[in-house]
Amino acid sequence: MVEGERGHFTQITLKPLVTLRDPADAARAEALHHHAHDACFIANSLNFPVSFVPRFVSR
């Protein structure tokens, strides 16, 4: 941050950890995350990029 100036975000990267029962559902879960991101009111209201990098684990 530049001294004497207000700070601001330039980008956000979300890194959710998603637990799946079936590892075969990872592709579907990623597609749903993309759809949710595209429809997100907050992400669409910001004037900087919001990206996400989901990580999928199985239990």
C-alpha atoms as a PDB file:
ATOM      1  CA  MET A   1       0.000   0.000   0.000  1.00  0.00           C
ATOM      2  CA  VAL A   2       1.237   3.471  -0.832  1.00  0.00           C
ATOM      3  CA  GLU A   3       1.664   5.645   2.254  1.00  0.00           C
ATOM      4  CA  GLY A   4      -0.993   8.333   2.491  1.00  0.00           C
ATOM      5  CA  GLU A   5      -3.382   6.496   0.162  1.00  0.00           C
ATOM      6  CA  ARG A   6      -6.293   4.243   0.936  1.00  0.00           C
ATOM      7  CA  GLY A   7      -5.803   0.559   0.382  1.00  0.00           C
ATOM      8  CA  HIS A   8      -7.930  -1.411  -2.012  1.00  0.00           C
ATOM      9  CA  PHE A   9      -8.236  -4.939  -3.307  1.00  0.00           C
ATOM     10  CA  THR A  10      -6.888  -5.695  -6.770  1.00  0.00           C
ATOM     11  CA  GLN A  11      -8.051  -9.306  -6.909  1.00  0.00           C
ATOM     12  CA  ILE A  12      -9.410 -12.123  -4.773  1.00  0.00           C
ATOM     13  CA  THR A  13      -8.656 -15.816  -5.098  1.00  0.00           C
ATOM     14  CA  LEU A  14     -10.964 -18.145  -3.186  1.00  0.00           C
ATOM     15  CA  LYS A  15      -9.599 -21.608  -2.393  1.00  0.00           C
ATOM     16  CA  PRO A  16     -12.472 -23.732  -1.071  1.00  0.00           C
ATOM     17  CA  LEU A  17     -11.852 -27.247   0.208  1.00  0.00           C
ATOM     18  CA  VAL A  18     -14.735 -29.438  -0.991  1.00  0.00           C
ATOM     19  CA  THR A  19     -15.290 -32.880   0.512  1.00  0.00           C
ATOM     20  CA  LEU A  20     -16.934 -35.380  -1.835  1.00  0.00           C
ATOM     21  CA  ARG A  21     -18.326 -38.798  -1.007  1.00  0.00           C
ATOM     22  CA  ASP A  22     -17.522 -40.058  -4.490  1.00  0.00           C
ATOM     23  CA  PRO A  23     -14.342 -38.851  -6.218  1.00  0.00           C
ATOM     24  CA  ALA A  24     -16.122 -39.351  -9.551  1.00  0.00           C
ATOM     25  CA  ASP A  25     -18.234 -36.280  -8.679  1.00  0.00           C
ATOM     26  CA  ALA A  26     -15.233 -33.901  -8.864  1.00  0.00           C
ATOM     27  CA  ALA A  27     -15.928 -32.781 -12.458  1.00  0.00           C
ATOM     28  CA  ARG A  28     -19.592 -32.101 -11.650  1.00  0.00           C
ATOM     29  CA  ALA A  29     -18.658 -30.243  -8.461  1.00  0.00           C
ATOM     30  CA  GLU A  30     -16.189 -28.070 -10.367  1.00  0.00           C
ATOM     31  CA  ALA A  31     -18.832 -27.278 -13.010  1.00  0.00           C
ATOM     32  CA  LEU A  32     -21.269 -26.293 -10.243  1.00  0.00           C
ATOM     33  CA  HIS A  33     -18.629 -24.011  -8.692  1.00  0.00           C
ATOM     34  CA  HIS A  34     -18.140 -22.285 -12.060  1.00  0.00           C
ATOM     35  CA  HIS A  35     -21.902 -21.833 -12.436  1.00  0.00           C
ATOM     36  CA  ALA A  36     -22.224 -20.437  -8.896  1.00  0.00           C
ATOM     37  CA  HIS A  37     -19.329 -18.050  -9.504  1.00  0.00           C
ATOM     38  CA  ASP A  38     -20.864 -16.782 -12.761  1.00  0.00           C
ATOM     39  CA  ALA A  39     -24.178 -16.132 -10.976  1.00  0.00           C
ATOM     40  CA  CYS A  40     -22.648 -14.654  -7.796  1.00  0.00           C
ATOM     41  CA  PHE A  41     -24.103 -11.223  -7.013  1.00  0.00           C
ATOM     42  CA  ILE A  42     -21.093 -10.218  -4.922  1.00  0.00           C
ATOM     43  CA  ALA A  43     -18.474 -11.330  -7.462  1.00  0.00           C
ATOM     44  CA  ASN A  44     -20.392  -9.559 -10.230  1.00  0.00           C
ATOM     45  CA  SER A  45     -20.596  -6.357  -8.165  1.00  0.00           C
ATOM     46  CA  LEU A  46     -16.861  -5.967  -7.597  1.00  0.00           C
ATOM     47  CA  ASN A  47     -14.573  -3.948  -9.852  1.00  0.00           C
ATOM     48  CA  PHE A  48     -11.684  -6.421  -9.673  1.00  0.00           C
ATOM     49  CA  PRO A  49     -11.335 -10.092 -10.599  1.00  0.00           C
ATOM     50  CA  VAL A  50     -12.571 -12.822  -8.290  1.00  0.00           C
ATOM     51  CA  SER A  51     -11.219 -16.258  -9.109  1.00  0.00           C
ATOM     52  CA  PHE A  52     -11.423 -19.570  -7.357  1.00  0.00           C
ATOM     53  CA  VAL A  53      -9.291 -22.657  -7.166  1.00  0.00           C
ATOM     54  CA  PRO A  54     -11.349 -25.421  -5.566  1.00  0.00           C
ATOM     55  CA  ARG A  55      -9.618 -28.433  -4.050  1.00  0.00           C
ATOM     56  CA  PHE A  56     -11.577 -31.675  -3.922  1.00  0.00           C
ATOM     57  CA  VAL A  57     -11.012 -34.454  -1.418  1.00  0.00           C
ATOM     58  CA  SER A  58     -12.919 -37.691  -0.862  1.00  0.00           C
ATOM     59  CA  ARG A  59     -13.830 -39.334   2.358  1.00  0.00           C
END
